Amino acid sequence: MSGKRRLLFASYHCCVDPSSGAAVSARELLGMLARNGWDVRTYCGPLLDFEQAEDVRQILADQQLEVHETSVWVQCVPVALLTFDDGPVRSTVLLPPDPQRRPPSMESGSVFLGGFGELVERWRPDILLTYGGHWLAGPMFDEARRHGVRIVFWLRNFAYRDRKLFLSVDRAIVPSECSATHYLQTLGLDTTVIPPPLSWERIVCDRLRGSRYVTFVNPQPHKGVFVLARIAEQLFRRRPDIRLLIVEGRSGVEWLERTGLDLSGLTNLSVMNNTPDARDFYQVSRVVLMPSLWRESFGRVAAEAMINGIPVLASNRGALPEVVGDAGFLFDIPDCYTPETRKVSTAEEVAPWVETIIRLWDDDEFYTEASRRCRDRAEMWRPEVLLPRYEYVFESLLAGR
């Protein structure tokens, strides 16, 4: 083939969602490919991962993207088409009348599929990259196949249960060996392991501003907010001078208030609103906590913190041991605590976390060595290391290998 390779990312999940790790990864990969000679476009629906309803238009405005909105009727349904340049990537988001319905209605889904078919017919991509397992996937794959498009599915979590979804997929990519093992054992699915792309330009802080906080991102039950609540209480009892920062993600701080612990008197606790620029909190963080209760398929926050040389304290769940390795600090959380659990950890259970935080705060030599290990391990996630691995997958498919 001559000319630029054409890659289309299409999903009913919105690619500009700052609360979705999968969306953040997708944007970073697509930008890297476009800057490396690929012709890249996106066609997405409106689904967001926020717990509360959010407006895609406002999200785009917050990210200072210049958007052209067109109101059209498709199959007798009024929809809005938002088009914009996301860096070097030409992007389109379709907004039907019921944007946050899960799964999408037949009416909205059919409109989305119609637009997808028109784009594939007109633009003729070589590769379709996608994620999301609702009913739209099958018809999308059929349409792509009809035009000779090779299909790559990005498996970003452990939620997929049906092997049939992948019968039309040429390649499935997972972010960790943990994910690969899971899908081989549960679905008999062979996958390719490549860590999510991480844009160092978006992540790396020029300097850490005093490293004032122990930081926890996305206060939800499955992310360990009930563990964090006890850590916060115990840390305040012992060292009220050590400040905690809670960064809102898919939800606000409501879950922290619903843990049952009265944290209103904690004068060392601060909150930061969800931000599209992770440097806002990394540049003020000395330590990052990830007491996840579910199986993380990767652990983006851990990797981003380590790139900045910020030590990570994480649970032993999912792929976190694979990501953190011997560079950070891993802790067992009793099996009785699950993503569905609504029970606060005991003081005894979080004691090792608190002790490690205090030592990292007080012992400069210990902290410096931990920070060095983080930076050394993070070298594996440099764009110049990861991008060729993705390109090899795509190029191999196009070459018939």
Protein backbone atom coordinates (compact mmCIF):
# COMPACT_ATOMS: atom_id res chain seq x y z
CA MET A 1 0.00 0.00 0.00
CA SER A 2 1.15 3.55 -0.71
CA GLY A 3 0.42 6.77 1.14
CA LYS A 4 -0.48 7.21 4.76
CA ARG A 5 -2.05 4.37 6.68
CA ARG A 6 -5.59 5.27 7.75
CA LEU A 7 -6.80 4.39 11.23
CA LEU A 8 -10.30 5.08 12.48
CA PHE A 9 -11.09 4.96 16.18
CA ALA A 10 -14.82 4.44 16.62
CA SER A 11 -16.82 3.77 19.77
CA TYR A 12 -20.12 4.83 21.31
CA HIS A 13 -18.02 5.79 24.34
CA CYS A 14 -16.85 9.39 24.05
CA CYS A 15 -13.14 9.73 23.35
CA VAL A 16 -12.79 13.11 25.10
CA ASP A 17 -14.03 11.81 28.47
CA PRO A 18 -11.46 12.93 31.09
CA SER A 19 -12.94 10.53 33.66
CA SER A 20 -12.21 7.45 31.53
CA GLY A 21 -8.73 5.96 31.56
CA ALA A 22 -9.55 4.14 28.33
CA ALA A 23 -10.50 7.40 26.61
CA VAL A 24 -7.36 9.15 27.85
CA SER A 25 -5.25 6.27 26.54
CA ALA A 26 -7.05 6.31 23.20
CA ARG A 27 -6.44 10.02 22.67
CA GLU A 28 -2.79 9.65 23.52
CA LEU A 29 -2.27 6.71 21.16
CA LEU A 30 -4.15 8.39 18.32
CA GLY A 31 -2.14 11.57 18.74
CA MET A 32 1.13 9.64 18.72
CA LEU A 33 0.15 7.77 15.56
CA ALA A 34 -0.94 10.96 13.79
CA ARG A 35 2.33 12.68 14.64
CA ASN A 36 4.19 9.65 13.33
CA GLY A 37 2.71 9.71 9.84
CA TRP A 38 -0.66 7.98 10.23
CA ASP A 39 -3.91 9.52 9.00
CA VAL A 40 -6.16 9.23 12.07
CA ARG A 41 -9.79 10.08 12.70
CA THR A 42 -12.29 9.42 15.46
CA TYR A 43 -16.02 8.86 15.36
CA CYS A 44 -17.58 8.57 18.80
CA GLY A 45 -20.84 8.57 20.63
CA PRO A 46 -21.76 10.47 23.80
CA LEU A 47 -21.26 7.94 26.63
CA LEU A 48 -19.25 9.26 29.58
CA ASP A 49 -17.99 7.47 32.69
CA PHE A 50 -18.97 10.19 35.18
CA GLU A 51 -21.43 9.02 37.84
CA GLN A 52 -23.41 12.24 37.39
CA ALA A 53 -24.66 13.47 34.02
CA GLU A 54 -22.20 15.74 32.25
CA ASP A 55 -22.47 17.74 29.02
CA VAL A 56 -20.05 16.74 26.27
CA ARG A 57 -20.14 20.31 24.98
CA GLN A 58 -18.93 21.63 28.33
CA ILE A 59 -16.18 19.02 28.48
CA LEU A 60 -14.95 20.14 25.07
CA ALA A 61 -15.13 23.78 26.16
CA ASP A 62 -13.17 22.99 29.34
CA GLN A 63 -10.48 21.44 27.16
CA GLN A 64 -10.42 24.56 24.98
CA LEU A 65 -11.21 22.65 21.81
CA GLU A 66 -12.72 24.68 18.97
CA VAL A 67 -15.92 22.85 18.05
CA HIS A 68 -18.20 23.17 15.04
CA GLU A 69 -21.72 21.96 15.83
CA THR A 70 -24.19 20.90 13.17
CA SER A 71 -27.81 19.95 13.82
CA VAL A 72 -29.06 17.30 11.42
CA TRP A 73 -31.87 14.80 11.05
CA VAL A 74 -30.73 11.23 10.56
CA GLN A 75 -33.34 8.54 9.97
CA CYS A 76 -35.97 11.01 11.26
CA VAL A 77 -34.00 11.51 14.49
CA PRO A 78 -32.59 14.95 15.47
CA VAL A 79 -28.90 14.70 16.34
CA ALA A 80 -25.99 17.07 16.84
CA LEU A 81 -22.62 16.46 15.22
CA LEU A 82 -19.67 18.02 17.01
CA THR A 83 -16.53 18.18 14.87
CA PHE A 84 -13.15 19.41 16.06
CA ASP A 85 -9.43 18.91 15.70
CA ASP A 86 -8.02 17.13 18.73
CA GLY A 87 -4.43 18.08 18.02
CA PRO A 88 -3.58 16.31 14.74
CA VAL A 89 -6.67 14.08 14.89
CA ARG A 90 -9.91 15.02 13.12
CA SER A 91 -12.72 14.06 15.50
CA THR A 92 -16.50 13.76 15.46
CA VAL A 93 -18.89 13.17 18.37
CA LEU A 94 -22.52 12.30 17.69
CA LEU A 95 -25.09 13.49 20.25
CA PRO A 96 -28.50 11.78 19.98
CA PRO A 97 -31.56 12.88 21.99
CA ASP A 98 -30.78 10.37 24.80
CA PRO A 99 -26.99 10.70 25.11
CA GLN A 100 -26.46 8.94 28.44
CA ARG A 101 -28.76 5.96 28.00
CA ARG A 102 -26.94 2.67 28.71
CA PRO A 103 -26.96 0.64 26.55
CA PRO A 104 -27.85 2.97 23.68
CA SER A 105 -31.43 2.76 22.46
CA MET A 106 -32.14 1.11 19.12
CA GLU A 107 -33.00 4.53 17.71
CA SER A 108 -29.78 6.24 18.82
CA GLY A 109 -27.66 3.20 18.08
CA SER A 110 -29.02 2.93 14.57
CA VAL A 111 -28.25 6.59 13.95
CA PHE A 112 -24.70 6.05 15.21
CA LEU A 113 -24.25 3.01 12.98
CA GLY A 114 -25.55 4.93 9.99
CA GLY A 115 -22.95 7.63 10.47
CA PHE A 116 -20.25 5.01 11.01
CA GLY A 117 -21.16 3.25 7.76
CA GLU A 118 -21.11 6.51 5.80
CA LEU A 119 -17.67 7.40 7.19
CA VAL A 120 -16.21 3.98 6.41
CA GLU A 121 -17.64 4.10 2.89
CA ARG A 122 -16.34 7.61 2.26
CA TRP A 123 -12.96 7.57 4.03
CA ARG A 124 -11.95 3.91 3.60
CA PRO A 125 -9.83 3.33 6.73
CA ASP A 126 -7.31 0.51 6.81
CA ILE A 127 -7.68 -0.18 10.54
CA LEU A 128 -10.64 0.11 12.91
CA LEU A 129 -9.60 0.48 16.55
CA THR A 130 -12.42 0.23 19.08
CA TYR A 131 -13.56 -0.71 22.57
CA GLY A 132 -16.94 -1.18 24.23
CA GLY A 133 -18.98 -4.37 24.30
CA HIS A 134 -22.62 -3.30 23.91
CA TRP A 135 -24.86 -4.34 21.02
CA LEU A 136 -23.38 -1.85 18.54
CA ALA A 137 -20.09 -3.75 18.29
CA GLY A 138 -21.38 -6.58 16.09
CA PRO A 139 -22.97 -4.35 13.42
CA MET A 140 -19.88 -2.10 13.43
CA PHE A 141 -17.64 -5.09 12.82
CA ASP A 142 -19.89 -6.35 10.01
CA GLU A 143 -19.76 -2.97 8.28
CA ALA A 144 -16.00 -2.72 8.66
CA ARG A 145 -15.52 -6.25 7.32
CA ARG A 146 -17.71 -5.47 4.33
CA HIS A 147 -15.21 -2.77 3.35
CA GLY A 148 -12.10 -4.84 4.03
CA VAL A 149 -11.15 -2.96 7.21
CA ARG A 150 -8.97 -4.82 9.73
CA ILE A 151 -10.38 -4.74 13.27
CA VAL A 152 -8.37 -4.25 16.47
CA PHE A 153 -10.23 -4.46 19.78
CA TRP A 154 -8.74 -2.76 22.83
CA LEU A 155 -9.69 -4.80 25.92
CA ARG A 156 -9.35 -2.31 28.76
CA ASN A 157 -11.11 -4.11 31.62
CA PHE A 158 -12.28 -7.53 32.79
CA ALA A 159 -15.96 -7.06 31.93
CA TYR A 160 -16.19 -9.08 28.71
CA ARG A 161 -17.93 -12.45 29.06
CA ASP A 162 -18.87 -13.51 25.52
CA ARG A 163 -16.29 -15.04 23.18
CA LYS A 164 -18.59 -14.40 20.21
CA LEU A 165 -17.82 -10.68 20.34
CA PHE A 166 -14.28 -11.40 19.19
CA LEU A 167 -14.99 -13.78 16.31
CA SER A 168 -14.72 -10.93 13.79
CA VAL A 169 -11.75 -9.26 15.50
CA ASP A 170 -8.33 -9.54 13.87
CA ARG A 171 -6.38 -8.68 17.00
CA ALA A 172 -7.19 -7.97 20.65
CA ILE A 173 -4.80 -5.80 22.66
CA VAL A 174 -4.69 -5.85 26.46
CA PRO A 175 -2.72 -3.55 28.80
CA SER A 176 -1.11 -6.16 31.05
CA GLU A 177 -0.08 -9.78 31.44
CA CYS A 178 -2.74 -9.98 34.15
CA SER A 179 -5.40 -9.14 31.55
CA ALA A 180 -3.93 -11.56 29.02
CA THR A 181 -4.01 -14.42 31.51
CA HIS A 182 -7.59 -13.59 32.48
CA TYR A 183 -8.92 -13.67 28.92
CA LEU A 184 -6.98 -16.76 27.97
CA GLN A 185 -8.44 -18.60 30.95
CA THR A 186 -12.01 -17.29 30.73
CA LEU A 187 -12.60 -16.95 26.96
CA GLY A 188 -9.74 -18.90 25.43
CA LEU A 189 -8.76 -15.63 23.75
CA ASP A 190 -5.20 -14.98 22.64
CA THR A 191 -4.26 -11.34 23.09
CA THR A 192 -1.33 -9.03 22.53
CA VAL A 193 0.03 -7.29 25.63
CA ILE A 194 1.04 -3.64 25.23
CA PRO A 195 0.87 -1.14 28.11
CA PRO A 196 -1.36 1.88 27.49
CA PRO A 197 0.43 4.78 25.81
CA LEU A 198 1.38 7.55 28.20
CA SER A 199 2.00 11.03 26.85
CA TRP A 200 4.93 12.29 28.87
CA GLU A 201 4.28 15.82 27.61
CA ARG A 202 0.87 15.70 29.30
CA ILE A 203 2.12 14.01 32.47
CA VAL A 204 5.61 15.20 33.36
CA CYS A 205 5.77 18.20 35.68
CA ASP A 206 8.54 20.72 35.13
CA ARG A 207 9.05 20.70 38.86
CA LEU A 208 7.16 19.45 41.87
CA ARG A 209 5.81 22.41 43.83
CA GLY A 210 6.90 21.52 47.31
CA SER A 211 5.28 18.05 47.08
CA ARG A 212 2.75 19.00 49.72
CA TYR A 213 0.22 16.15 49.58
CA VAL A 214 -0.50 12.47 49.86
CA THR A 215 -2.85 12.14 46.88
CA PHE A 216 -5.79 9.84 46.14
CA VAL A 217 -7.54 10.00 42.76
CA ASN A 218 -11.17 9.08 42.01
CA PRO A 219 -12.96 8.52 45.37
CA GLN A 220 -15.17 5.54 44.49
CA PRO A 221 -15.76 2.27 46.35
CA HIS A 222 -13.95 0.09 43.82
CA LYS A 223 -10.98 2.45 43.92
CA GLY A 224 -10.72 1.99 47.69
CA VAL A 225 -12.42 5.05 49.15
CA PHE A 226 -13.46 3.02 52.22
CA VAL A 227 -9.80 2.10 52.78
CA LEU A 228 -8.73 5.68 52.16
CA ALA A 229 -11.20 6.96 54.76
CA ARG A 230 -9.53 4.95 57.50
CA ILE A 231 -6.06 5.93 56.31
CA ALA A 232 -7.12 9.58 56.47
CA GLU A 233 -8.51 9.19 59.98
CA GLN A 234 -5.44 7.40 61.30
CA LEU A 235 -2.99 9.72 59.60
CA PHE A 236 -4.72 12.76 61.11
CA ARG A 237 -4.57 11.18 64.57
CA ARG A 238 -0.85 10.57 64.30
CA ARG A 239 0.41 13.25 61.92
CA PRO A 240 -2.04 16.07 61.24
CA ASP A 241 0.79 17.94 59.52
CA ILE A 242 0.73 15.45 56.61
CA ARG A 243 -1.86 16.74 54.16
CA LEU A 244 -4.18 14.62 52.03
CA LEU A 245 -5.50 15.60 48.60
CA ILE A 246 -8.61 13.93 47.16
CA VAL A 247 -8.91 14.40 43.39
CA GLU A 248 -12.39 13.94 41.97
CA GLY A 249 -12.70 11.55 39.05
CA ARG A 250 -15.81 9.79 37.81
CA SER A 251 -17.50 10.92 41.02
CA GLY A 252 -17.08 13.74 43.48
CA VAL A 253 -16.34 13.41 47.18
CA GLU A 254 -19.83 12.09 47.96
CA TRP A 255 -18.55 8.58 48.58
CA LEU A 256 -16.05 9.86 51.12
CA GLU A 257 -18.95 11.35 53.03
CA ARG A 258 -20.89 8.07 52.75
CA THR A 259 -18.21 5.88 54.33
CA GLY A 260 -19.70 6.39 57.78
CA LEU A 261 -16.56 7.96 59.23
CA ASP A 262 -16.87 11.56 60.34
CA LEU A 263 -13.96 13.22 58.58
CA SER A 264 -15.35 16.74 58.88
CA GLY A 265 -12.78 17.66 61.51
CA LEU A 266 -9.78 16.66 59.40
CA THR A 267 -8.06 19.98 58.82
CA ASN A 268 -5.41 18.30 56.66
CA LEU A 269 -7.88 17.17 53.97
CA SER A 270 -8.24 19.04 50.67
CA VAL A 271 -10.27 18.36 47.52
CA MET A 272 -9.45 19.10 43.87
CA ASN A 273 -12.12 19.07 41.17
CA ASN A 274 -11.76 16.72 38.21
CA THR A 275 -9.17 18.16 35.88
CA PRO A 276 -8.16 17.28 32.31
CA ASP A 277 -4.55 18.14 33.20
CA ALA A 278 -3.11 15.54 35.58
CA ARG A 279 -0.12 17.79 36.25
CA ASP A 280 -2.42 19.92 38.38
CA PHE A 281 -2.23 17.32 41.14
CA TYR A 282 1.02 15.50 40.38
CA GLN A 283 3.03 18.69 40.79
CA VAL A 284 1.83 19.05 44.39
CA SER A 285 2.02 15.34 45.32
CA ARG A 286 4.72 13.70 47.41
CA VAL A 287 3.03 10.27 47.58
CA VAL A 288 0.17 8.68 45.60
CA LEU A 289 -2.24 6.10 47.07
CA MET A 290 -4.01 3.37 45.05
CA PRO A 291 -5.85 1.10 47.53
CA SER A 292 -7.98 -0.40 44.75
CA LEU A 293 -10.44 -3.14 45.63
CA TRP A 294 -11.11 -4.28 42.09
CA ARG A 295 -8.73 -5.87 39.65
CA GLU A 296 -7.01 -3.04 37.86
CA SER A 297 -6.23 -4.00 34.26
CA PHE A 298 -3.27 -1.62 34.39
CA GLY A 299 -3.08 1.30 36.82
CA ARG A 300 -2.65 4.53 34.89
CA VAL A 301 -2.43 6.77 37.95
CA ALA A 302 0.35 4.60 39.38
CA ALA A 303 2.33 4.73 36.13
CA GLU A 304 1.89 8.48 35.74
CA ALA A 305 3.00 9.10 39.31
CA MET A 306 6.07 6.92 38.83
CA ILE A 307 7.01 8.80 35.66
CA ASN A 308 7.20 11.88 37.89
CA GLY A 309 9.24 10.01 40.49
CA ILE A 310 6.35 9.99 42.97
CA PRO A 311 6.30 6.85 45.16
CA VAL A 312 3.10 4.80 44.91
CA LEU A 313 1.42 2.84 47.70
CA ALA A 314 -0.94 0.33 46.08
CA SER A 315 -3.01 -2.75 46.78
CA ASN A 316 -2.05 -6.16 45.43
CA ARG A 317 -5.13 -6.30 43.19
CA GLY A 318 -5.11 -6.99 39.46
CA ALA A 319 -2.21 -5.64 37.45
CA LEU A 320 -0.98 -3.20 40.11
CA PRO A 321 1.89 -5.49 41.21
CA GLU A 322 2.89 -5.76 37.54
CA VAL A 323 2.90 -1.98 37.13
CA VAL A 324 4.44 -0.97 40.44
CA GLY A 325 6.90 -3.84 40.64
CA ASP A 326 9.66 -3.33 43.18
CA ALA A 327 9.64 0.42 42.60
CA GLY A 328 6.75 1.16 44.94
CA PHE A 329 4.99 -0.31 47.95
CA LEU A 330 2.37 -3.06 47.70
CA PHE A 331 -0.07 -4.05 50.44
CA ASP A 332 -2.50 -6.91 50.85
CA ILE A 333 -6.10 -5.95 51.50
CA PRO A 334 -8.17 -8.75 53.09
CA ASP A 335 -10.34 -10.66 50.62
CA CYS A 336 -13.46 -9.68 52.56
CA TYR A 337 -13.17 -6.23 51.00
CA THR A 338 -14.52 -6.24 47.45
CA PRO A 339 -15.63 -3.54 44.99
CA GLU A 340 -19.16 -4.07 46.33
CA THR A 341 -18.13 -3.84 49.99
CA ARG A 342 -19.34 -0.82 51.94
CA LYS A 343 -17.23 -1.39 55.05
CA VAL A 344 -14.38 0.79 56.29
CA SER A 345 -11.04 -0.92 56.90
CA THR A 346 -9.84 -1.26 60.48
CA ALA A 347 -7.04 0.80 61.97
CA GLU A 348 -4.92 -2.34 62.20
CA GLU A 349 -5.42 -3.14 58.51
CA VAL A 350 -4.24 0.27 57.32
CA ALA A 351 -1.37 0.57 59.82
CA PRO A 352 1.29 -0.53 57.26
CA TRP A 353 0.03 2.11 54.83
CA VAL A 354 0.21 4.83 57.47
CA GLU A 355 3.67 3.78 58.65
CA THR A 356 5.01 3.87 55.08
CA ILE A 357 3.50 7.29 54.42
CA ILE A 358 5.12 8.68 57.56
CA ARG A 359 8.50 7.23 56.71
CA LEU A 360 8.37 8.61 53.16
CA TRP A 361 7.45 11.98 54.65
CA ASP A 362 10.23 12.07 57.23
CA ASP A 363 13.13 10.06 55.79
CA ASP A 364 14.63 11.98 52.88
CA GLU A 365 17.10 9.25 51.98
CA PHE A 366 14.36 6.62 51.94
CA TYR A 367 12.18 8.89 49.80
CA THR A 368 14.95 9.74 47.33
CA GLU A 369 15.72 6.07 46.74
CA ALA A 370 12.03 5.25 46.24
CA SER A 371 11.69 8.12 43.79
CA ARG A 372 14.73 6.92 41.83
CA ARG A 373 13.28 3.41 41.53
CA CYS A 374 10.05 4.89 40.18
CA ARG A 375 11.81 6.89 37.48
CA ASP A 376 13.94 3.92 36.47
CA ARG A 377 10.96 1.61 36.11
CA ALA A 378 8.98 4.23 34.21
CA GLU A 379 11.47 4.16 31.32
CA MET A 380 9.52 1.19 29.89
CA TRP A 381 6.55 3.49 29.26
CA ARG A 382 8.31 6.08 27.14
CA PRO A 383 6.41 6.85 23.91
CA GLU A 384 9.40 5.90 21.79
CA VAL A 385 9.29 2.46 23.42
CA LEU A 386 5.53 1.83 23.25
CA LEU A 387 4.53 3.41 19.93
CA PRO A 388 6.57 0.99 17.77
CA ARG A 389 4.84 -1.93 19.49
CA TYR A 390 1.42 -0.61 18.52
CA GLU A 391 2.56 0.19 15.01
CA TYR A 392 3.93 -3.32 14.61
CA VAL A 393 0.50 -4.78 15.41
CA PHE A 394 -1.24 -2.53 12.90
CA GLU A 395 1.38 -2.92 10.17
CA SER A 396 1.44 -6.70 10.62
CA LEU A 397 -2.30 -6.88 10.03
CA LEU A 398 -2.05 -4.79 6.89
CA ALA A 399 0.81 -6.92 5.63
CA GLY A 400 -1.19 -10.09 6.28
CA ARG A 401 1.21 -11.42 8.90
